Amino acid sequence: PQKVYETIKMARKLLPDGTHIRLHTHETAGVSVACYLAALEAGCKDENVNLMPLILDAVRAYATEGEICGVMRKVFGEYQAHTTL
């Protein structure tokens, strides 16, 4: 998964803005979900990336909603409502 993350991050720097990057992996040793989550994390760190295809790829690899949200929470943080009394 770390190699996937680094590869997508490097490709983002080399390719023109708007270039769609697709990750393809085979389910070997149960790492495909981890690879798709790493790709999602790399995508979250680039404001020009459409996250929906990355999220759908992770879902197709059977990543859970909690795993996907966890990655996004890791990058973006969690909303904290401001309350004033």
Protein backbone atom coordinates (compact mmCIF):
# COMPACT_ATOMS: atom_id res chain seq x y z
CA PRO A 1 0.00 0.00 0.00
CA GLN A 2 2.79 2.49 0.73
CA LYS A 3 4.26 1.88 -2.73
CA VAL A 4 0.85 2.55 -4.31
CA TYR A 5 0.52 5.76 -2.31
CA GLU A 6 3.99 6.94 -3.40
CA THR A 7 3.39 5.97 -7.03
CA ILE A 8 0.09 7.88 -7.26
CA LYS A 9 1.62 10.89 -5.50
CA MET A 10 4.56 10.91 -7.94
CA ALA A 11 2.29 10.44 -10.97
CA ARG A 12 0.22 13.45 -9.86
CA LYS A 13 3.36 15.60 -9.98
CA LEU A 14 4.38 14.33 -13.42
CA LEU A 15 1.03 14.29 -15.23
CA PRO A 16 -0.98 17.32 -16.34
CA ASP A 17 -3.76 18.56 -14.07
CA GLY A 18 -7.02 16.77 -14.73
CA THR A 19 -5.38 13.50 -15.80
CA HIS A 20 -7.41 10.59 -14.47
CA ILE A 21 -5.31 7.87 -12.85
CA ARG A 22 -6.83 4.41 -12.42
CA LEU A 23 -5.34 1.80 -10.13
CA HIS A 24 -5.67 -1.85 -11.04
CA THR A 25 -4.75 -4.58 -8.61
CA HIS A 26 -5.37 -8.27 -8.19
CA GLU A 27 -6.56 -9.70 -4.91
CA THR A 28 -3.34 -11.31 -3.77
CA ALA A 29 -2.68 -11.88 -0.10
CA GLY A 30 -5.62 -9.64 0.80
CA VAL A 31 -3.89 -6.36 -0.01
CA SER A 32 -6.18 -4.95 -2.70
CA VAL A 33 -8.33 -3.05 -0.18
CA ALA A 34 -5.20 -1.60 1.40
CA CYS A 35 -3.91 -0.55 -2.02
CA TYR A 36 -7.16 1.18 -2.94
CA LEU A 37 -7.25 2.93 0.43
CA ALA A 38 -3.67 4.12 -0.12
CA ALA A 39 -4.68 5.46 -3.53
CA LEU A 40 -7.63 7.25 -1.91
CA GLU A 41 -5.32 8.79 0.69
CA ALA A 42 -3.00 10.08 -2.02
CA GLY A 43 -5.98 11.48 -3.90
CA CYS A 44 -7.29 13.22 -0.78
CA LYS A 45 -4.03 15.11 -0.48
CA ASP A 46 -4.46 16.69 -3.93
CA GLU A 47 -7.24 19.25 -4.22
CA ASN A 48 -7.51 18.70 -7.98
CA VAL A 49 -8.46 15.03 -7.70
CA ASN A 50 -12.04 13.82 -8.07
CA LEU A 51 -12.35 11.45 -5.13
CA MET A 52 -15.51 9.66 -6.30
CA PRO A 53 -13.73 7.22 -8.68
CA LEU A 54 -11.22 6.39 -5.94
CA ILE A 55 -14.00 5.82 -3.41
CA LEU A 56 -15.90 3.60 -5.86
CA ASP A 57 -12.75 1.57 -6.60
CA ALA A 58 -12.27 1.02 -2.86
CA VAL A 59 -15.92 -0.05 -2.51
CA ARG A 60 -15.58 -2.49 -5.42
CA ALA A 61 -12.58 -4.01 -3.61
CA TYR A 62 -14.87 -4.45 -0.57
CA ALA A 63 -13.45 -1.67 1.59
CA THR A 64 -15.89 -0.81 4.35
CA GLU A 65 -17.49 2.59 4.83
CA GLY A 66 -15.54 2.88 8.08
CA GLU A 67 -12.23 2.21 6.33
CA ILE A 68 -12.99 4.78 3.62
CA CYS A 69 -14.14 7.40 6.13
CA GLY A 70 -11.10 6.65 8.27
CA VAL A 71 -8.76 7.50 5.41
CA MET A 72 -10.62 10.71 4.66
CA ARG A 73 -10.74 11.63 8.37
CA LYS A 74 -6.99 11.06 8.56
CA VAL A 75 -6.35 13.56 5.76
CA PHE A 76 -9.12 16.13 6.26
CA GLY A 77 -9.76 15.82 9.98
CA GLU A 78 -13.14 15.63 11.62
CA TYR A 79 -15.69 18.44 11.73
CA GLN A 80 -16.15 19.94 15.16
CA ALA A 81 -19.25 22.08 15.57
CA HIS A 82 -18.64 25.43 17.24
CA THR A 83 -21.11 26.15 19.98
CA THR A 84 -21.49 29.40 21.82
CA LEU A 85 -23.58 29.94 24.87
